[in-house]
Protein backbone atom coordinates (compact mmCIF):
# COMPACT_ATOMS: atom_id res chain seq x y z
CA MET A 1 -66.73 20.15 -1.27
CA TYR A 2 -65.26 24.13 -1.52
CA GLY A 3 -64.90 23.36 2.51
CA SER A 4 -63.28 20.80 2.84
CA LYS A 5 -60.79 21.58 0.07
CA THR A 6 -59.92 25.40 2.69
CA ILE A 7 -59.63 22.56 5.57
CA ALA A 8 -57.01 20.64 3.56
CA LEU A 9 -55.32 23.26 2.39
CA VAL A 10 -54.96 24.93 5.54
CA ALA A 11 -54.08 21.85 7.73
CA PHE A 12 -51.56 20.98 4.65
CA PHE A 13 -49.93 24.63 5.89
CA LEU A 14 -49.92 23.74 9.30
CA VAL A 15 -48.21 20.50 9.15
CA ALA A 16 -45.37 21.85 6.73
CA ARG A 17 -44.87 24.96 8.91
CA TYR A 18 -44.63 22.77 11.97
CA ALA A 19 -42.24 20.22 9.74
CA MET A 20 -39.92 22.99 8.65
CA GLY A 21 -40.19 24.19 12.26
CA GLN A 22 -38.84 21.18 13.29
CA ASP A 23 -35.95 20.21 11.11
CA GLU A 24 -34.63 24.39 11.86
CA THR A 25 -34.55 23.37 15.20
CA ASN A 26 -32.86 19.46 15.42
CA SER A 27 -30.16 21.09 12.77
CA ALA A 28 -29.79 24.04 15.33
CA LEU A 29 -29.66 20.75 18.10
CA VAL A 30 -27.21 19.23 15.85
CA GLU A 31 -25.37 22.07 15.46
CA ARG A 32 -25.14 23.45 19.46
CA THR A 33 -24.66 19.14 20.48
CA SER A 34 -21.69 18.11 17.88
CA TYR A 35 -19.40 21.70 18.22
CA GLN A 36 -20.00 21.62 22.46
CA LEU A 37 -18.74 17.71 22.34
CA TYR A 38 -15.85 19.16 19.41
CA VAL A 39 -15.05 22.50 22.04
CA ASP A 40 -15.11 19.23 25.76
CA ARG A 41 -12.71 17.04 22.40
CA GLN A 42 -15.14 14.55 23.67
CA TRP A 43 -14.53 12.50 20.74
CA ASP A 44 -15.64 8.94 21.16
CA GLU A 45 -19.38 10.69 21.30
CA LEU A 46 -18.69 12.80 19.27
CA ILE A 47 -18.04 10.94 16.51
CA PRO A 48 -21.22 7.76 16.45
CA TYR A 49 -23.16 11.53 17.07
CA CYS A 50 -21.61 12.74 13.82
CA ARG A 51 -22.99 9.18 11.84
CA ASN A 52 -26.48 9.33 13.63
CA ALA A 53 -26.50 12.86 11.92
CA ILE A 54 -24.98 12.68 8.57
CA ARG A 55 -27.76 9.45 8.80
CA GLU A 56 -30.56 11.13 9.36
CA GLY A 57 -29.89 13.39 6.64
CA TYR A 58 -28.04 16.93 8.41
CA ASP A 59 -24.53 16.54 6.10
CA TYR A 60 -22.44 19.92 6.05
CA PHE A 61 -19.44 21.21 6.38
CA TYR A 62 -18.75 22.01 10.08
CA LEU A 63 -20.26 18.35 10.85
CA ARG A 64 -17.72 17.13 8.50
CA LEU A 65 -14.74 18.79 9.30
CA ARG A 66 -15.32 18.09 13.10
CA MET A 67 -16.07 13.60 12.49
CA GLY A 68 -12.89 14.41 11.05
CA ILE A 69 -11.22 15.88 13.18
CA ALA A 70 -12.19 13.01 16.07
CA LEU A 71 -11.65 10.38 14.28
CA TYR A 72 -8.37 11.69 13.35
CA GLU A 73 -7.29 12.15 16.84
CA LYS A 74 -7.70 8.32 17.49
CA GLY A 75 -5.48 7.24 14.53
CA GLN A 76 -8.56 6.69 12.54
CA TYR A 77 -6.34 8.57 9.60
CA ARG A 78 -8.28 6.31 6.52
CA ILE A 79 -11.63 7.27 7.58
CA ALA A 80 -11.18 10.82 8.99
CA ALA A 81 -9.77 11.42 4.92
CA THR A 82 -13.14 10.64 3.14
CA HIS A 83 -14.84 13.10 5.88
CA PHE A 84 -12.66 15.75 4.95
CA GLU A 85 -12.47 14.93 1.52
CA LYS A 86 -16.63 15.64 2.38
CA ALA A 87 -16.30 19.03 3.61
CA LEU A 88 -14.19 20.48 1.11
CA ARG A 89 -16.34 19.16 -1.42
CA PHE A 90 -18.97 21.82 0.59
CA ASN A 91 -15.64 24.38 0.95
CA SER A 92 -13.55 23.66 -1.23
CA ARG A 93 -10.50 26.69 0.02
CA ASP A 94 -11.49 26.05 3.71
CA GLU A 95 -7.18 25.93 4.70
CA LEU A 96 -7.77 23.91 7.96
CA THR A 97 -9.64 20.99 5.93
CA GLN A 98 -6.63 20.39 3.43
CA GLU A 99 -4.21 20.62 5.62
CA TYR A 100 -5.39 17.76 8.02
CA LEU A 101 -6.50 15.89 4.75
CA TYR A 102 -3.07 16.31 3.57
CA TYR A 103 -1.10 15.01 6.74
CA CYS A 104 -4.02 12.04 6.81
CA HIS A 105 -2.01 11.26 3.97
CA ILE A 106 1.51 11.04 4.92
CA PHE A 107 0.13 9.16 8.05
CA SER A 108 -1.42 7.03 6.21
CA ASN A 109 1.97 6.74 3.83
CA ARG A 110 -0.37 7.82 1.21
CA PHE A 111 2.93 10.07 0.33
CA ASP A 112 2.08 10.88 -3.92
CA GLU A 113 -1.36 11.79 -2.66
CA ALA A 114 -0.55 14.16 -0.12
CA ARG A 115 2.45 15.95 -2.57
CA LYS A 116 -0.77 16.26 -5.46
CA LEU A 117 -3.12 17.35 -2.67
CA SER A 118 -0.60 20.24 -1.50
CA GLU A 119 -0.70 21.31 -5.55
CA THR A 120 -3.45 22.96 -4.44
CA PHE A 121 -2.18 25.39 -0.59
CA SER A 122 -1.57 28.94 -0.98
CA GLU A 123 1.44 30.02 -0.28
CA GLU A 124 0.98 30.49 3.52
CA LEU A 125 -0.21 26.69 3.93
CA VAL A 126 2.99 25.99 1.41
CA SER A 127 5.08 27.62 4.32
CA LYS A 128 3.40 26.43 7.07
CA ILE A 129 3.40 22.66 6.15
CA ASN A 130 7.43 23.93 5.22
CA LYS A 131 7.02 21.64 1.52
CA GLU A 132 9.61 24.07 0.60
CA ASP A 133 11.89 22.11 3.40
CA TRP A 134 10.94 18.80 0.97
CA SER A 135 13.82 16.57 -0.08
CA PRO A 136 13.64 15.48 -3.71
CA THR A 137 14.87 11.85 -1.89
CA ASP A 138 12.32 9.85 -0.09
CA PHE A 139 14.73 7.05 1.11
CA VAL A 140 17.62 5.00 0.68
CA SER A 141 18.50 1.50 1.67
CA ALA A 142 20.83 -1.10 1.82
CA GLU A 143 20.31 -4.06 2.48
CA GLY A 144 22.03 -7.77 2.53
CA GLY A 145 21.92 -10.92 3.70
CA LEU A 146 22.41 -14.84 2.45
CA LYS A 147 20.25 -18.53 2.11
CA ILE A 148 21.82 -21.38 3.21
CA SER A 149 20.84 -24.58 1.97
CA SER A 150 19.44 -27.94 4.28
CA ARG A 151 21.75 -29.11 1.06
CA SER A 152 25.10 -28.08 1.40
CA TYR A 153 26.35 -30.35 -0.10
CA LEU A 154 24.95 -29.25 -3.67
CA PHE A 155 24.43 -25.54 -2.90
CA ASN A 156 26.57 -23.37 -1.42
CA PRO A 157 25.69 -19.90 0.73
CA ALA A 158 24.67 -17.66 -1.90
CA PHE A 159 25.21 -13.83 -1.03
CA TYR A 160 22.62 -10.33 -1.96
CA PHE A 161 23.44 -7.72 -1.10
CA GLN A 162 21.29 -4.18 -2.60
CA LEU A 163 20.73 -0.96 -2.85
CA GLY A 164 17.52 0.91 -3.04
CA VAL A 165 16.29 4.47 -3.59
CA GLU A 166 12.92 6.44 -4.20
CA HIS A 167 12.33 9.97 -5.20
CA THR A 168 10.08 12.41 -6.44
CA VAL A 169 9.99 13.60 -10.32
CA ASN A 170 9.01 16.76 -10.48
CA ASN A 171 7.10 16.85 -7.24
CA LYS A 172 4.64 15.26 -9.12
CA PHE A 173 4.98 10.72 -8.70
CA SER A 174 7.88 9.02 -6.72
CA LEU A 175 10.12 6.93 -9.01
CA TYR A 176 11.64 3.63 -6.98
CA HIS A 177 15.01 2.41 -8.10
CA ALA A 178 16.49 -1.36 -6.78
CA ALA A 179 20.24 -2.82 -8.16
CA THR A 180 20.89 -5.88 -6.91
CA ILE A 181 23.61 -8.51 -6.82
CA TYR A 182 23.16 -12.92 -6.42
CA GLY A 183 25.38 -15.13 -6.23
CA GLN A 184 25.69 -19.03 -5.28
CA SER A 185 27.27 -21.47 -6.38
CA GLU A 186 25.87 -24.80 -5.93
CA SER A 187 26.46 -28.60 -7.78
CA ARG A 188 25.47 -27.67 -11.27
CA GLY A 189 27.78 -24.71 -11.32
CA THR A 190 28.11 -20.90 -10.64
CA ILE A 191 25.73 -18.65 -10.58
CA SER A 192 26.15 -14.42 -10.83
CA GLN A 193 23.52 -12.20 -11.70
CA LEU A 194 22.79 -7.94 -11.88
CA GLN A 195 19.13 -6.88 -11.76
CA TYR A 196 17.80 -3.00 -12.01
CA PHE A 197 14.19 -2.09 -11.24
CA ILE A 198 12.59 0.55 -11.93
CA GLN A 199 8.47 1.26 -10.50
CA PRO A 200 7.08 4.93 -10.40
CA ASN A 201 3.29 5.22 -8.43
CA ILE A 202 1.44 8.05 -10.04
CA PRO A 203 -1.36 9.40 -8.33
CA LEU A 204 -4.36 9.24 -10.40
CA GLY A 205 -6.79 11.83 -8.11
CA ARG A 206 -9.69 9.84 -6.24
CA HIS A 207 -7.72 7.49 -4.02
CA TRP A 208 -6.34 5.68 -7.55
CA THR A 209 -2.88 4.93 -8.18
CA LEU A 210 -0.85 3.47 -11.70
CA THR A 211 2.00 1.81 -11.28
CA PRO A 212 4.15 0.25 -14.18
CA SER A 213 7.44 -2.02 -13.92
CA MET A 214 9.85 -3.38 -15.12
CA HIS A 215 13.29 -5.10 -13.79
CA PHE A 216 15.52 -6.34 -15.88
CA VAL A 217 18.18 -9.38 -15.12
CA SER A 218 21.72 -10.51 -16.86
CA LEU A 219 22.45 -13.86 -15.80
CA ASN A 220 25.57 -15.70 -15.72
CA PHE A 221 25.76 -19.66 -14.89
CA LYS A 222 29.24 -21.38 -15.32
CA LYS A 223 29.01 -24.67 -15.72
CA MET A 224 30.91 -27.74 -16.70
CA ASN A 225 30.03 -28.05 -19.86
CA GLY A 226 30.52 -24.16 -20.82
CA LEU A 227 29.57 -20.69 -19.67
CA LEU A 228 25.71 -19.92 -20.37
CA GLN A 229 24.93 -15.86 -20.71
CA SER A 230 20.89 -13.75 -20.77
CA THR A 231 20.06 -10.99 -20.17
CA ASP A 232 16.51 -10.89 -19.16
CA MET A 233 12.71 -8.66 -18.25
CA ALA A 234 9.56 -8.60 -16.16
CA GLY A 235 7.21 -5.30 -17.06
CA SER A 236 4.15 -5.32 -14.64
CA LEU A 237 1.88 -2.93 -14.76
CA SER A 238 -1.02 -2.53 -12.06
CA LEU A 239 -4.30 -0.43 -11.11
CA THR A 240 -5.50 0.62 -6.97
CA LYS A 241 -8.03 1.77 -5.49
CA SER A 242 -7.75 2.85 -2.33
CA PHE A 243 -10.31 3.53 0.36
CA SER A 244 -11.44 3.94 4.23
CA HIS A 245 -11.12 0.15 5.42
CA LEU A 246 -9.10 -1.34 1.60
CA ASP A 247 -6.74 -1.24 -1.23
CA ILE A 248 -8.24 -3.21 -3.89
CA SER A 249 -5.37 -3.67 -7.21
CA ILE A 250 -5.11 -5.53 -10.35
CA GLY A 251 -2.70 -5.53 -11.95
CA GLY A 252 -0.49 -8.52 -14.55
CA THR A 253 2.86 -9.08 -15.42
CA VAL A 254 4.73 -10.69 -18.59
CA SER A 255 7.86 -11.76 -17.67
CA ASN A 256 10.41 -13.33 -20.14
CA VAL A 257 13.24 -15.26 -18.09
CA LEU A 258 15.82 -18.15 -18.51
CA ILE A 259 13.76 -18.45 -22.20
CA ALA A 260 10.37 -19.18 -19.61
CA LEU A 261 8.03 -17.03 -21.66
CA GLN A 262 5.67 -16.58 -18.66
CA TYR A 263 1.77 -14.47 -18.07
CA ILE A 264 0.82 -13.51 -14.94
CA GLN A 265 -1.80 -11.62 -13.70
CA GLN A 266 -2.25 -10.15 -10.64
CA SER A 267 -4.76 -9.09 -7.15
CA ARG A 268 -4.14 -7.96 -4.06
CA LEU A 269 -6.58 -7.22 -1.02
CA ALA A 270 -5.37 -5.35 2.00
CA ILE A 271 -8.08 -4.41 4.58
CA TYR A 272 -7.74 -2.45 7.09
CA PRO A 273 -10.45 -3.06 9.68
CA PHE A 274 -9.76 0.09 12.76
CA GLY A 275 -9.25 2.93 9.25
CA LYS A 276 -6.21 2.56 11.30
CA PRO A 277 -3.02 2.31 8.84
CA THR A 278 -1.17 0.94 11.57
CA PHE A 279 -2.59 -3.30 11.39
CA SER A 280 -3.71 -4.40 8.04
CA PHE A 281 -4.29 -8.27 6.67
CA GLY A 282 -4.80 -9.53 3.28
CA VAL A 283 -3.87 -11.30 0.07
CA ILE A 284 -2.37 -11.23 -2.87
CA SER A 285 -3.58 -13.88 -5.66
CA TYR A 286 -1.81 -14.99 -8.37
CA VAL A 287 -3.07 -17.10 -12.04
CA HIS A 288 -0.03 -17.69 -14.19
CA THR A 289 1.02 -19.77 -17.13
CA GLU A 290 4.06 -20.79 -18.79
CA ASP A 291 1.60 -22.20 -22.64
CA ASN A 292 -0.86 -18.81 -23.06
CA PHE A 293 -3.42 -19.61 -20.86
CA MET A 294 -3.97 -23.70 -22.48
CA THR A 295 -3.26 -24.34 -18.50
CA SER A 296 -3.25 -21.96 -15.26
CA THR A 297 -2.19 -22.43 -11.63
CA LEU A 298 -2.51 -20.45 -8.62
CA ALA A 299 -0.19 -18.79 -6.75
CA LEU A 300 -1.47 -17.37 -2.98
CA ASN A 301 0.65 -14.81 -0.83
CA PRO A 302 -1.34 -14.01 2.22
CA PHE A 303 -0.26 -11.61 4.50
CA VAL A 304 -0.38 -9.61 8.19
CA TYR A 305 0.81 -5.96 8.79
CA TRP A 306 1.14 -4.61 12.48
CA ASN A 307 2.48 -1.89 13.60
CA PRO A 308 1.73 -2.84 17.03
CA VAL A 309 3.57 0.44 18.78
CA GLY A 310 5.99 3.87 18.34
CA LYS A 311 8.45 2.76 15.24
CA VAL A 312 8.55 -1.05 15.54
CA ARG A 313 6.51 -2.47 12.64
CA PHE A 314 6.02 -6.36 11.42
CA TYR A 315 4.90 -7.26 8.17
CA GLY A 316 5.00 -11.35 8.17
CA ASN A 317 3.06 -13.52 5.14
CA TYR A 318 3.13 -16.89 3.33
CA PHE A 319 4.04 -17.92 -0.28
CA ILE A 320 2.27 -21.15 -2.33
CA ASN A 321 2.31 -22.11 -5.51
CA LYS A 322 3.07 -24.56 -7.82
CA ASN A 323 4.14 -26.26 -11.53
CA GLU A 324 6.87 -23.29 -12.23
CA ASN A 325 8.39 -20.51 -10.65
CA ILE A 326 6.72 -16.57 -11.07
CA ALA A 327 7.70 -13.22 -11.05
CA GLU A 328 5.77 -12.18 -7.89
CA MET A 329 5.23 -8.28 -6.06
CA ASN A 330 4.71 -6.55 -9.57
CA GLY A 331 7.64 -8.08 -10.77
CA TYR A 332 9.80 -6.97 -8.13
CA LEU A 333 10.96 -10.27 -6.89
CA ILE A 334 12.04 -12.45 -10.01
CA ASN A 335 13.21 -16.39 -9.02
CA ASN A 336 15.25 -17.69 -11.54
CA SER A 337 16.33 -20.86 -9.99
CA PRO A 338 15.37 -23.95 -11.64
CA ASP A 339 14.02 -25.48 -9.00
CA LEU A 340 10.74 -24.57 -8.08
CA THR A 341 9.68 -23.12 -4.59
CA LEU A 342 7.08 -24.46 -3.35
CA SER A 343 6.06 -22.17 -0.08
CA ARG A 344 8.17 -19.51 1.42
CA ILE A 345 6.93 -17.70 5.07
CA SER A 346 8.72 -14.76 5.99
CA SER A 347 8.65 -11.96 8.98
CA MET A 348 9.98 -8.60 8.01
CA LEU A 349 10.74 -6.70 11.67
CA THR A 350 11.06 -2.86 11.41
CA LEU A 351 12.40 -0.57 14.12
CA GLY A 352 13.12 3.09 13.20
CA LEU A 353 16.34 4.54 15.52
CA ASN A 354 14.93 8.30 14.95
CA ARG A 355 12.90 10.08 11.92
CA HIS A 356 15.92 10.14 9.84
CA LEU A 357 16.43 5.87 10.43
CA ASP A 358 15.02 2.46 10.13
CA VAL A 359 17.26 -0.27 10.59
CA TYR A 360 15.25 -4.09 9.24
CA GLY A 361 15.94 -8.12 9.75
CA VAL A 362 13.64 -10.00 7.15
CA TYR A 363 14.30 -14.04 8.43
CA GLN A 364 12.90 -16.50 5.64
CA PHE A 365 11.83 -19.83 5.60
CA GLU A 366 10.94 -21.55 1.54
CA SER A 367 11.16 -24.93 0.92
CA LYS A 368 11.84 -26.30 -2.86
CA ARG A 369 11.68 -28.90 -5.43
CA GLU A 370 14.63 -29.28 -7.54
CA LEU A 371 13.36 -30.97 -11.49
CA ASN A 372 14.70 -34.53 -10.21
CA SER A 373 11.73 -33.65 -6.97
CA LEU A 374 14.24 -34.21 -4.46
CA THR A 375 13.18 -31.44 -1.61
CA TYR A 376 15.02 -29.21 0.79
CA SER A 377 14.82 -26.24 2.21
CA TYR A 378 16.50 -22.41 1.72
CA ASN A 379 17.05 -20.34 5.47
CA VAL A 380 17.45 -16.54 4.45
CA PHE A 381 18.22 -14.13 6.61
CA LEU A 382 18.78 -10.40 5.60
CA ILE A 383 19.49 -7.18 6.94
CA GLY A 384 19.24 -3.71 6.43
CA LEU A 385 18.47 0.33 7.06
CA LYS A 386 16.59 2.68 5.66
CA PHE A 387 17.64 6.88 5.74
CA LYS A 388 14.95 9.25 4.93
CA PRO A 389 16.31 12.60 4.77
């Protein structure tokens, strides 16, 4: 009995020692191979090699850093960011990793997260990314256009102009403002409308973002039998969580426009199938009611975004609805017409003229239904400029 126990104990130590030696050998092989692939800039080979090594339990700072750099070089900034973040868990003060993660956020249009991350940077890294030269203004935009009805004998062209600006507040979060003028004459009267929209974008950390907003509308509707005036508003609150391949948002809007009190529940799913910010698609859904949810209506807004080359960007979406008009996009888009928007096809093409100036055009085809069931449509044409200091 004693002899068998001794043999078993010796065998156990031999197996354990062999396993430890094997693991040390494999660890050295992973380090040596991944380093050589990194030095040779063999990104297409390095990415699957690191992924398999991590899956097999080899997870350490330099492996995550090399994996992140390889993905970064392939333009997969959203996926690369997750590996740089995990590398920082091994070494939270490594400035090379911090810098790469910062630019992953910048190139993924996560500017508020980039600012939040930069608060932890050393003076040397702050100087390297030229943080002192940052403008407090992110952009200034101006756009205008008109809506042309298919029943021009009832609806004259509508005119629209908007001036927008986005800036940072104490370098902590961004704040967007938009002032809008809208006017139209039609068979029922003449409408003139002034609007002001304000929306902060507040990063909470770990890719959570809180987005409240308020939209104020001053309306004058001059009819044959008098003047209708009202000051209305819509308030919204949404929460977004970003992952390497998708963004998920949920929120709600309360809108009180032209005596119609609406409650709107909104959700948004954006999918980045390649982990790149250059292509995404998804859907926005709205569940809305005007009778405290005794009855509810579903509206859908699928969309696609594509940046095929350089500074050329395309965005398209299709909106379909019934029963009543709603405030869309966290209360940004308010439709106060008594006529229902049944559907709307939108397309937007943006061209970057240089690093500071974009020009964009928007075309929409909107199907409407009047209160007496008359159907008609609008062709909408907009052109805009965006200046980025």
